Structure formats: C-alpha cells, structure tokens
C-alpha cells in the first residue's frame, strides 16, 4: 500500500473509500490492482477488497505507477488537489511554471535551472511531496485538461489538442490510446456532459468538495456587486442563483451558477 511521505493513513483512506465520503474527494486517489484503474474516493462502481487497492496522494502518482483514469468517476474532475498545497516553496513554484508550459521550453533541466536547483534535487522534491516526477505531473495535467474539454465542450479535437498543450493531433491521439485504450472521438461518444452550446458560448463545470455554502457566497457577492457590471439573481423558484459579470458590452459575459448533484453519475 502506497503511503509515501505525503502521510496518507491507510485506515482513514479505507474508511473514506468504503463510505464514499465526498469530503475526501481529491485528497487521495485509489488504484485498483486487478484493473489497473485509479479512481476518486466517491467512485460509484462496486467496491473491491482492501488487498486489491493502493492509495496515492495525487493522480500523477497513480498514473506514474501504471494506473489509468476511471471513466466513471472521472479523476480529472476532482475538486482541487490538496496534496499540492502545503508543499515546499520550490515545488509550488515549479507547479506554477509547469502550468505555464515551462517544461516545453527545455525539459526538467531548464525548469530546475529557473528554480536555482539541480534537476536531480527537483525530481527528489517532486517524489517526496507529490509522489510523481515533474514529467508525470505535467503529462497528467495535460491529459486531464484535454479529457475535461472532450467531455464538457463541443470543441473540435484539433483545437483541444492544441489547447491542452499536446503540440500535434498525432501526439494527442497517441496519448489517449495509450492511457484510455480508446480514441478521443470514442471517449466523446461516451460523455454524459457534452451537449451542443450556442456559438461562442462555452460551459465549464468546476467541481467542489462539500460542504460548500453557496448561498453565503452569493450573499457576500450581492452586497459588493458593482452596479451596471455585476448582477446576483435567482429564479422564481429560488432554486438557481446566478452571478453575471459583464465588463463591457463588447467583451461578452461570464455567468456562474451552482448545480449540486447528490450522487456521482456513472455511465
């Protein structure tokens, strides 16, 4: 069972897995040895025996150990990554640079040089704090972002490949075949979120870890809304509360609303 320096407690992880405790969603990931698939603690599929699982602090650690993402609970949609919080300043800076495509410019050596340390030390820090190498973290982030765009938007595959940082459609397709044993098009046909959107309108779902006091947040924003720019409203049934932000009439509009699902949906 993988515990590592992240301090995962196998007993707590086991209890959270068996009860599908949403409070632990994103705090660790579960690798199933028989299927070589890794899941979130809230995964709706049938639970397996404790001897058949390993626990990982991050999705990247699970991927580096040879597990692939679950298509039911969608690890790429887990809220936040607490394991990356509280890490060393160097690792935090490295993660920020990786999100800005720092590895594309010169690999791990160039990234380490920007941080003022050696590449071997950087790898040791990543393994200590995240359970995975810088390359594995970058690959997992890229793959997860692309998977979300496939599931939740109707963007063409070529645009998704470039937006996720694959550089080419060929590399994009190869990564999905290797990880999911399916093509991106086959995955989109399985997506339960993908739905046609009006032109120039994009819908993104940001998952959160309960408890989350949405009404308190709305009340806070309502008192501070800028007249003519921000609007906080609710429908006639009081079920849907929404924040609209329109910086100008020509730059479009951003809306945020809350849709709480009681249980994770499975395909």
C-alpha atoms as a PDB file:
ATOM      1  CA  UNK A   1       0.000   0.000   0.000  1.00  0.00           C
ATOM      2  CA  UNK A   2       1.447   3.356  -1.038  1.00  0.00           C
ATOM      3  CA  UNK A   3       1.807   5.793   1.829  1.00  0.00           C
ATOM      4  CA  UNK A   4       4.943   7.729   0.982  1.00  0.00           C
ATOM      5  CA  UNK A   5       5.996  10.980   2.624  1.00  0.00           C
ATOM      6  CA  UNK A   6       2.611  12.544   1.925  1.00  0.00           C
ATOM      7  CA  UNK A   7       1.400  10.968   5.174  1.00  0.00           C
ATOM      8  CA  UNK A   8      -1.599   9.044   3.814  1.00  0.00           C
ATOM      9  CA  UNK A   9      -3.197   6.991   6.558  1.00  0.00           C
ATOM     10  CA  UNK A  10      -4.357   3.659   5.123  1.00  0.00           C
ATOM     11  CA  UNK A  11      -7.079   3.279   7.765  1.00  0.00           C
ATOM     12  CA  UNK A  12      -8.611   6.701   7.058  1.00  0.00           C
ATOM     13  CA  UNK A  13      -8.321   6.192   3.297  1.00  0.00           C
ATOM     14  CA  UNK A  14     -10.048   2.839   3.582  1.00  0.00           C
ATOM     15  CA  UNK A  15     -12.942   4.255   5.619  1.00  0.00           C
ATOM     16  CA  UNK A  16     -13.371   7.148   3.170  1.00  0.00           C
ATOM     17  CA  UNK A  17     -13.322   4.751   0.221  1.00  0.00           C
ATOM     18  CA  UNK A  18     -15.864   2.332   1.689  1.00  0.00           C
ATOM     19  CA  UNK A  19     -18.251   5.148   2.690  1.00  0.00           C
ATOM     20  CA  UNK A  20     -17.602   7.189  -0.482  1.00  0.00           C
ATOM     21  CA  UNK A  21     -17.054  10.223   1.727  1.00  0.00           C
ATOM     22  CA  UNK A  22     -17.200  13.304  -0.513  1.00  0.00           C
ATOM     23  CA  UNK A  23     -15.093  15.279   1.967  1.00  0.00           C
ATOM     24  CA  UNK A  24     -12.065  13.269   0.813  1.00  0.00           C
ATOM     25  CA  UNK A  25     -12.691  13.794  -2.896  1.00  0.00           C
ATOM     26  CA  UNK A  26      -9.423  14.981  -4.442  1.00  0.00           C
ATOM     27  CA  UNK A  27      -7.428  14.349  -1.268  1.00  0.00           C
ATOM     28  CA  UNK A  28      -6.210  10.971  -2.469  1.00  0.00           C
ATOM     29  CA  UNK A  29      -6.761   8.506  -5.309  1.00  0.00           C
ATOM     30  CA  UNK A  30      -7.378   4.758  -5.318  1.00  0.00           C
ATOM     31  CA  UNK A  31      -5.560   2.368  -7.625  1.00  0.00           C
ATOM     32  CA  UNK A  32      -7.322  -0.969  -8.265  1.00  0.00           C
ATOM     33  CA  UNK A  33      -4.699  -3.656  -8.833  1.00  0.00           C
ATOM     34  CA  UNK A  34      -6.912  -6.047 -10.807  1.00  0.00           C
ATOM     35  CA  UNK A  35      -7.996  -3.490 -13.410  1.00  0.00           C
ATOM     36  CA  UNK A  36      -5.019  -1.074 -13.224  1.00  0.00           C
ATOM     37  CA  UNK A  37      -7.516   1.819 -12.985  1.00  0.00           C
ATOM     38  CA  UNK A  38      -7.369   4.668 -10.485  1.00  0.00           C
ATOM     39  CA  UNK A  39     -10.477   6.295  -9.035  1.00  0.00           C
ATOM     40  CA  UNK A  40     -11.734   9.029  -6.741  1.00  0.00           C
ATOM     41  CA  UNK A  41     -12.996   8.088  -3.251  1.00  0.00           C
ATOM     42  CA  UNK A  42     -16.567   8.791  -4.412  1.00  0.00           C
ATOM     43  CA  UNK A  43     -16.448   6.433  -7.400  1.00  0.00           C
ATOM     44  CA  UNK A  44     -19.885   4.773  -7.778  1.00  0.00           C
ATOM     45  CA  UNK A  45     -18.614   1.401  -9.011  1.00  0.00           C
ATOM     46  CA  UNK A  46     -18.684  -1.667  -6.764  1.00  0.00           C
ATOM     47  CA  UNK A  47     -16.045  -1.506  -4.035  1.00  0.00           C
ATOM     48  CA  UNK A  48     -13.241  -4.041  -4.049  1.00  0.00           C
ATOM     49  CA  UNK A  49     -11.336  -5.754  -1.258  1.00  0.00           C
ATOM     50  CA  UNK A  50      -8.729  -3.750   0.631  1.00  0.00           C
ATOM     51  CA  UNK A  51      -5.999  -6.119  -0.517  1.00  0.00           C
ATOM     52  CA  UNK A  52      -6.786  -5.133  -4.107  1.00  0.00           C
ATOM     53  CA  UNK A  53      -6.163  -1.394  -3.782  1.00  0.00           C
ATOM     54  CA  UNK A  54      -3.308   1.083  -3.387  1.00  0.00           C
ATOM     55  CA  UNK A  55      -3.643   4.682  -2.255  1.00  0.00           C
ATOM     56  CA  UNK A  56      -1.881   7.606  -3.954  1.00  0.00           C
ATOM     57  CA  UNK A  57      -1.578  11.263  -2.906  1.00  0.00           C
ATOM     58  CA  UNK A  58      -2.063  12.604  -6.452  1.00  0.00           C
ATOM     59  CA  UNK A  59      -3.430  11.455  -9.795  1.00  0.00           C
ATOM     60  CA  UNK A  60       0.050  11.877 -11.244  1.00  0.00           C
ATOM     61  CA  UNK A  61       1.445   9.404  -8.711  1.00  0.00           C
ATOM     62  CA  UNK A  62      -1.189   6.853  -9.708  1.00  0.00           C
ATOM     63  CA  UNK A  63      -0.503   7.405 -13.410  1.00  0.00           C
ATOM     64  CA  UNK A  64       3.244   7.042 -12.888  1.00  0.00           C
ATOM     65  CA  UNK A  65       2.608   3.709 -11.143  1.00  0.00           C
ATOM     66  CA  UNK A  66       0.879   2.432 -14.285  1.00  0.00           C
ATOM     67  CA  UNK A  67      -2.795   3.057 -13.488  1.00  0.00           C
ATOM     68  CA  UNK A  68      -5.211   4.718 -15.917  1.00  0.00           C
ATOM     69  CA  UNK A  69      -8.088   7.119 -15.065  1.00  0.00           C
ATOM     70  CA  UNK A  70     -11.549   5.758 -14.371  1.00  0.00           C
ATOM     71  CA  UNK A  71     -14.197   6.656 -16.955  1.00  0.00           C
ATOM     72  CA  UNK A  72     -16.971   6.540 -14.343  1.00  0.00           C
ATOM     73  CA  UNK A  73     -15.784   8.922 -11.619  1.00  0.00           C
ATOM     74  CA  UNK A  74     -13.514  10.987 -13.925  1.00  0.00           C
ATOM     75  CA  UNK A  75     -10.458  11.841 -11.739  1.00  0.00           C
ATOM     76  CA  UNK A  76      -9.819  14.890 -13.934  1.00  0.00           C
ATOM     77  CA  UNK A  77     -12.937  16.456 -12.380  1.00  0.00           C
ATOM     78  CA  UNK A  78     -11.905  16.039  -8.754  1.00  0.00           C
ATOM     79  CA  UNK A  79     -12.009  19.377  -6.881  1.00  0.00           C
ATOM     80  CA  UNK A  80      -8.588  20.904  -6.372  1.00  0.00           C
ATOM     81  CA  UNK A  81      -5.523  18.951  -5.409  1.00  0.00           C
ATOM     82  CA  UNK A  82      -4.878  19.477  -1.694  1.00  0.00           C
ATOM     83  CA  UNK A  83      -1.753  17.320  -1.858  1.00  0.00           C
ATOM     84  CA  UNK A  84      -0.127  20.128  -3.830  1.00  0.00           C
ATOM     85  CA  UNK A  85      -0.959  22.625  -1.095  1.00  0.00           C
ATOM     86  CA  UNK A  86       1.476  22.966   1.746  1.00  0.00           C
ATOM     87  CA  UNK A  87       4.360  21.621  -0.309  1.00  0.00           C
ATOM     88  CA  UNK A  88       7.750  23.287  -0.344  1.00  0.00           C
ATOM     89  CA  UNK A  89       8.059  26.722  -1.916  1.00  0.00           C
ATOM     90  CA  UNK A  90      10.244  25.234  -4.635  1.00  0.00           C
ATOM     91  CA  UNK A  91       7.639  22.624  -5.594  1.00  0.00           C
ATOM     92  CA  UNK A  92       4.862  25.228  -5.555  1.00  0.00           C
ATOM     93  CA  UNK A  93       6.874  27.470  -7.873  1.00  0.00           C
ATOM     94  CA  UNK A  94       7.643  24.512 -10.113  1.00  0.00           C
ATOM     95  CA  UNK A  95       3.949  23.598 -10.366  1.00  0.00           C
ATOM     96  CA  UNK A  96       3.107  27.168 -11.309  1.00  0.00           C
ATOM     97  CA  UNK A  97       5.793  27.168 -14.002  1.00  0.00           C
ATOM     98  CA  UNK A  98       4.633  23.778 -15.312  1.00  0.00           C
ATOM     99  CA  UNK A  99       1.113  25.190 -15.671  1.00  0.00           C
ATOM    100  CA  UNK A 100       2.699  27.924 -17.798  1.00  0.00           C
ATOM    101  CA  UNK A 101       4.292  25.288 -20.091  1.00  0.00           C
ATOM    102  CA  UNK A 102       7.798  25.683 -18.628  1.00  0.00           C
ATOM    103  CA  UNK A 103       8.688  22.073 -19.457  1.00  0.00           C
ATOM    104  CA  UNK A 104       8.035  22.684 -23.138  1.00  0.00           C
ATOM    105  CA  UNK A 105      10.975  25.078 -23.364  1.00  0.00           C
ATOM    106  CA  UNK A 106      13.796  22.858 -22.129  1.00  0.00           C
ATOM    107  CA  UNK A 107      12.538  19.986 -20.037  1.00  0.00           C
ATOM    108  CA  UNK A 108      13.291  19.283 -16.391  1.00  0.00           C
ATOM    109  CA  UNK A 109      16.840  20.638 -16.579  1.00  0.00           C
ATOM    110  CA  UNK A 110      15.668  24.063 -17.754  1.00  0.00           C
ATOM    111  CA  UNK A 111      12.895  24.114 -15.149  1.00  0.00           C
ATOM    112  CA  UNK A 112      15.359  23.263 -12.373  1.00  0.00           C
ATOM    113  CA  UNK A 113      17.724  25.990 -13.576  1.00  0.00           C
ATOM    114  CA  UNK A 114      14.911  28.558 -13.360  1.00  0.00           C
ATOM    115  CA  UNK A 115      14.327  27.440  -9.775  1.00  0.00           C
ATOM    116  CA  UNK A 116      18.022  27.623  -8.905  1.00  0.00           C
ATOM    117  CA  UNK A 117      18.452  23.926  -8.067  1.00  0.00           C
ATOM    118  CA  UNK A 118      19.705  20.800  -9.801  1.00  0.00           C
ATOM    119  CA  UNK A 119      17.400  18.564 -11.833  1.00  0.00           C
ATOM    120  CA  UNK A 120      18.047  15.572  -9.535  1.00  0.00           C
ATOM    121  CA  UNK A 121      17.063  17.613  -6.491  1.00  0.00           C
ATOM    122  CA  UNK A 122      13.892  18.786  -8.240  1.00  0.00           C
ATOM    123  CA  UNK A 123      12.928  15.199  -9.030  1.00  0.00           C
ATOM    124  CA  UNK A 124      13.539  14.179  -5.406  1.00  0.00           C
ATOM    125  CA  UNK A 125      11.337  17.047  -4.162  1.00  0.00           C
ATOM    126  CA  UNK A 126       8.507  16.065  -6.501  1.00  0.00           C
ATOM    127  CA  UNK A 127       8.683  12.431  -5.455  1.00  0.00           C
ATOM    128  CA  UNK A 128       8.726  13.422  -1.790  1.00  0.00           C
ATOM    129  CA  UNK A 129       5.812  15.869  -1.959  1.00  0.00           C
ATOM    130  CA  UNK A 130       3.689  14.621  -4.875  1.00  0.00           C
ATOM    131  CA  UNK A 131       4.696  11.000  -5.368  1.00  0.00           C
ATOM    132  CA  UNK A 132       5.487  11.606  -9.050  1.00  0.00           C
ATOM    133  CA  UNK A 133       8.149  13.157 -11.265  1.00  0.00           C
ATOM    134  CA  UNK A 134       7.762  16.615 -12.891  1.00  0.00           C
ATOM    135  CA  UNK A 135       7.209  14.977 -16.282  1.00  0.00           C
ATOM    136  CA  UNK A 136       4.487  12.697 -14.890  1.00  0.00           C
ATOM    137  CA  UNK A 137       2.733  15.652 -13.227  1.00  0.00           C
ATOM    138  CA  UNK A 138       2.810  17.650 -16.475  1.00  0.00           C
ATOM    139  CA  UNK A 139       1.521  14.712 -18.539  1.00  0.00           C
ATOM    140  CA  UNK A 140      -1.322  14.035 -16.111  1.00  0.00           C
ATOM    141  CA  UNK A 141      -2.354  17.696 -16.029  1.00  0.00           C
ATOM    142  CA  UNK A 142      -2.329  17.864 -19.832  1.00  0.00           C
ATOM    143  CA  UNK A 143      -4.330  14.662 -20.221  1.00  0.00           C
ATOM    144  CA  UNK A 144      -6.899  15.629 -17.574  1.00  0.00           C
ATOM    145  CA  UNK A 145      -7.452  19.056 -19.102  1.00  0.00           C
ATOM    146  CA  UNK A 146      -7.968  17.531 -22.540  1.00  0.00           C
ATOM    147  CA  UNK A 147     -10.390  14.944 -21.101  1.00  0.00           C
ATOM    148  CA  UNK A 148     -12.492  17.698 -19.494  1.00  0.00           C
ATOM    149  CA  UNK A 149     -12.658  19.600 -22.782  1.00  0.00           C
ATOM    150  CA  UNK A 150     -13.718  16.424 -24.612  1.00  0.00           C
ATOM    151  CA  UNK A 151     -16.447  15.658 -22.064  1.00  0.00           C
ATOM    152  CA  UNK A 152     -17.743  19.151 -21.402  1.00  0.00           C
ATOM    153  CA  UNK A 153     -17.387  21.057 -24.673  1.00  0.00           C
ATOM    154  CA  UNK A 154     -18.064  20.539 -28.359  1.00  0.00           C
ATOM    155  CA  UNK A 155     -14.685  21.937 -29.431  1.00  0.00           C
ATOM    156  CA  UNK A 156     -13.038  20.144 -32.390  1.00  0.00           C
ATOM    157  CA  UNK A 157     -10.371  17.619 -31.418  1.00  0.00           C
ATOM    158  CA  UNK A 158      -7.661  19.632 -33.143  1.00  0.00           C
ATOM    159  CA  UNK A 159      -8.417  22.687 -31.005  1.00  0.00           C
ATOM    160  CA  UNK A 160      -8.499  20.571 -27.841  1.00  0.00           C
ATOM    161  CA  UNK A 161      -5.116  19.052 -28.684  1.00  0.00           C
ATOM    162  CA  UNK A 162      -3.534  22.482 -29.051  1.00  0.00           C
ATOM    163  CA  UNK A 163      -5.330  23.996 -26.042  1.00  0.00           C
ATOM    164  CA  UNK A 164      -4.137  21.140 -23.809  1.00  0.00           C
ATOM    165  CA  UNK A 165      -0.548  21.544 -24.988  1.00  0.00           C
ATOM    166  CA  UNK A 166      -0.047  18.360 -26.988  1.00  0.00           C
ATOM    167  CA  UNK A 167       1.529  20.201 -29.894  1.00  0.00           C
ATOM    168  CA  UNK A 168       0.011  17.915 -32.518  1.00  0.00           C
ATOM    169  CA  UNK A 169      -3.124  15.862 -33.054  1.00  0.00           C
ATOM    170  CA  UNK A 170      -0.972  12.753 -33.549  1.00  0.00           C
ATOM    171  CA  UNK A 171       0.541  13.041 -30.041  1.00  0.00           C
ATOM    172  CA  UNK A 172      -2.917  13.831 -28.669  1.00  0.00           C
ATOM    173  CA  UNK A 173      -4.452  10.690 -30.179  1.00  0.00           C
ATOM    174  CA  UNK A 174      -1.493   8.532 -29.142  1.00  0.00           C
ATOM    175  CA  UNK A 175      -1.722   9.694 -25.514  1.00  0.00           C
ATOM    176  CA  UNK A 176      -5.419   8.815 -25.297  1.00  0.00           C
ATOM    177  CA  UNK A 177      -4.963   5.430 -26.947  1.00  0.00           C
ATOM    178  CA  UNK A 178      -2.145   4.602 -24.544  1.00  0.00           C
ATOM    179  CA  UNK A 179      -3.981   5.782 -21.412  1.00  0.00           C
ATOM    180  CA  UNK A 180      -7.650   5.020 -22.084  1.00  0.00           C
ATOM    181  CA  UNK A 181      -7.299   2.334 -24.769  1.00  0.00           C
ATOM    182  CA  UNK A 182      -9.741   4.472 -26.760  1.00  0.00           C
ATOM    183  CA  UNK A 183      -9.577   7.332 -29.237  1.00  0.00           C
ATOM    184  CA  UNK A 184     -10.700  10.840 -28.197  1.00  0.00           C
ATOM    185  CA  UNK A 185     -13.714  10.502 -30.506  1.00  0.00           C
ATOM    186  CA  UNK A 186     -14.783   7.270 -28.820  1.00  0.00           C
ATOM    187  CA  UNK A 187     -14.490   8.947 -25.407  1.00  0.00           C
ATOM    188  CA  UNK A 188     -16.641  11.859 -26.555  1.00  0.00           C
ATOM    189  CA  UNK A 189     -19.382   9.484 -27.637  1.00  0.00           C
ATOM    190  CA  UNK A 190     -19.476   8.192 -24.048  1.00  0.00           C
ATOM    191  CA  UNK A 191     -19.524  11.660 -22.484  1.00  0.00           C
ATOM    192  CA  UNK A 192     -22.659  12.422 -20.475  1.00  0.00           C
ATOM    193  CA  UNK A 193     -21.851  16.130 -20.145  1.00  0.00           C
ATOM    194  CA  UNK A 194     -21.198  17.007 -23.761  1.00  0.00           C
ATOM    195  CA  UNK A 195     -24.124  18.894 -25.285  1.00  0.00           C
ATOM    196  CA  UNK A 196     -24.402  21.427 -28.109  1.00  0.00           C
ATOM    197  CA  UNK A 197     -23.790  25.006 -26.979  1.00  0.00           C
ATOM    198  CA  UNK A 198     -24.714  28.204 -28.834  1.00  0.00           C
ATOM    199  CA  UNK A 199     -21.946  29.685 -30.953  1.00  0.00           C
ATOM    200  CA  UNK A 200     -19.260  31.484 -28.916  1.00  0.00           C
ATOM    201  CA  UNK A 201     -20.722  30.108 -25.686  1.00  0.00           C
ATOM    202  CA  UNK A 202     -18.751  27.673 -23.542  1.00  0.00           C
ATOM    203  CA  UNK A 203     -19.865  25.755 -20.459  1.00  0.00           C
ATOM    204  CA  UNK A 204     -17.335  24.564 -17.856  1.00  0.00           C
ATOM    205  CA  UNK A 205     -18.143  22.647 -14.679  1.00  0.00           C
ATOM    206  CA  UNK A 206     -15.962  23.389 -11.645  1.00  0.00           C
ATOM    207  CA  UNK A 207     -16.354  20.637  -9.069  1.00  0.00           C
ATOM    208  CA  UNK A 208     -16.097  21.403  -5.367  1.00  0.00           C
ATOM    209  CA  UNK A 209     -15.620  19.413  -2.199  1.00  0.00           C
ATOM    210  CA  UNK A 210     -18.579  19.673   0.234  1.00  0.00           C
ATOM    211  CA  UNK A 211     -19.523  21.296   2.474  1.00  0.00           C
ATOM    212  CA  UNK A 212     -19.796  24.435   0.359  1.00  0.00           C
ATOM    213  CA  UNK A 213     -22.068  27.298   1.467  1.00  0.00           C
ATOM    214  CA  UNK A 214     -23.134  28.636  -1.932  1.00  0.00           C
ATOM    215  CA  UNK A 215     -25.885  30.884  -0.515  1.00  0.00           C
ATOM    216  CA  UNK A 216     -23.441  32.586   1.875  1.00  0.00           C
ATOM    217  CA  UNK A 217     -21.045  33.217  -1.007  1.00  0.00           C
ATOM    218  CA  UNK A 218     -23.854  34.698  -3.104  1.00  0.00           C
ATOM    219  CA  UNK A 219     -24.940  36.944  -0.231  1.00  0.00           C
ATOM    220  CA  UNK A 220     -21.361  38.150   0.184  1.00  0.00           C
ATOM    221  CA  UNK A 221     -21.062  38.928  -3.536  1.00  0.00           C
ATOM    222  CA  UNK A 222     -24.508  40.553  -3.712  1.00  0.00           C
ATOM    223  CA  UNK A 223     -23.542  43.201  -1.142  1.00  0.00           C
ATOM    224  CA  UNK A 224     -20.431  44.010  -3.166  1.00  0.00           C
ATOM    225  CA  UNK A 225     -21.794  43.815  -6.712  1.00  0.00           C
ATOM    226  CA  UNK A 226     -20.718  46.684  -8.962  1.00  0.00           C
ATOM    227  CA  UNK A 227     -23.854  48.385 -10.409  1.00  0.00           C
ATOM    228  CA  UNK A 228     -24.072  48.012 -14.161  1.00  0.00           C
ATOM    229  CA  UNK A 229     -21.335  45.367 -14.218  1.00  0.00           C
ATOM    230  CA  UNK A 230     -22.257  42.572 -11.802  1.00  0.00           C
ATOM    231  CA  UNK A 231     -25.670  41.051 -11.083  1.00  0.00           C
ATOM    232  CA  UNK A 232     -26.632  38.465  -8.465  1.00  0.00           C
ATOM    233  CA  UNK A 233     -30.049  36.925  -9.100  1.00  0.00           C
ATOM    234  CA  UNK A 234     -32.202  33.828  -8.565  1.00  0.00           C
ATOM    235  CA  UNK A 235     -35.044  32.249 -10.482  1.00  0.00           C
ATOM    236  CA  UNK A 236     -38.681  32.463  -9.414  1.00  0.00           C
ATOM    237  CA  UNK A 237     -38.442  29.151  -7.530  1.00  0.00           C
ATOM    238  CA  UNK A 238     -35.311  30.195  -5.691  1.00  0.00           C
ATOM    239  CA  UNK A 239     -33.583  27.053  -6.948  1.00  0.00           C
ATOM    240  CA  UNK A 240     -30.974  28.612  -9.194  1.00  0.00           C
ATOM    241  CA  UNK A 241     -28.883  31.552  -8.071  1.00  0.00           C
ATOM    242  CA  UNK A 242     -26.548  33.156 -10.552  1.00  0.00           C
ATOM    243  CA  UNK A 243     -23.744  35.686 -10.755  1.00  0.00           C
ATOM    244  CA  UNK A 244     -23.330  37.563 -14.029  1.00  0.00           C
ATOM    245  CA  UNK A 245     -20.286  39.650 -14.865  1.00  0.00           C
ATOM    246  CA  UNK A 246     -20.245  41.836 -17.983  1.00  0.00           C
ATOM    247  CA  UNK A 247     -17.111  44.038 -18.071  1.00  0.00           C
ATOM    248  CA  UNK A 248     -18.359  45.735 -21.241  1.00  0.00           C
ATOM    249  CA  UNK A 249     -21.000  45.265 -23.896  1.00  0.00           C
ATOM    250  CA  UNK A 250     -18.450  44.116 -26.456  1.00  0.00           C
ATOM    251  CA  UNK A 251     -16.288  41.713 -24.421  1.00  0.00           C
ATOM    252  CA  UNK A 252     -19.003  39.177 -23.624  1.00  0.00           C
ATOM    253  CA  UNK A 253     -20.371  37.972 -20.325  1.00  0.00           C
ATOM    254  CA  UNK A 254     -19.404  35.413 -17.690  1.00  0.00           C
ATOM    255  CA  UNK A 255     -22.052  33.612 -15.633  1.00  0.00           C
ATOM    256  CA  UNK A 256     -21.641  31.365 -12.605  1.00  0.00           C
ATOM    257  CA  UNK A 257     -24.352  29.214 -11.086  1.00  0.00           C
ATOM    258  CA  UNK A 258     -24.479  26.206  -8.808  1.00  0.00           C
ATOM    259  CA  UNK A 259     -25.812  22.751  -9.642  1.00  0.00           C
ATOM    260  CA  UNK A 260     -25.384  20.306  -6.754  1.00  0.00           C
ATOM    261  CA  UNK A 261     -25.627  16.595  -7.541  1.00  0.00           C
ATOM    262  CA  UNK A 262     -26.294  14.274  -4.638  1.00  0.00           C
ATOM    263  CA  UNK A 263     -24.501  11.308  -6.162  1.00  0.00           C
ATOM    264  CA  UNK A 264     -21.766  10.905  -8.741  1.00  0.00           C
ATOM    265  CA  UNK A 265     -23.213   9.802 -12.049  1.00  0.00           C
ATOM    266  CA  UNK A 266     -21.935   6.727 -13.812  1.00  0.00           C
ATOM    267  CA  UNK A 267     -22.055   5.911 -17.471  1.00  0.00           C
END
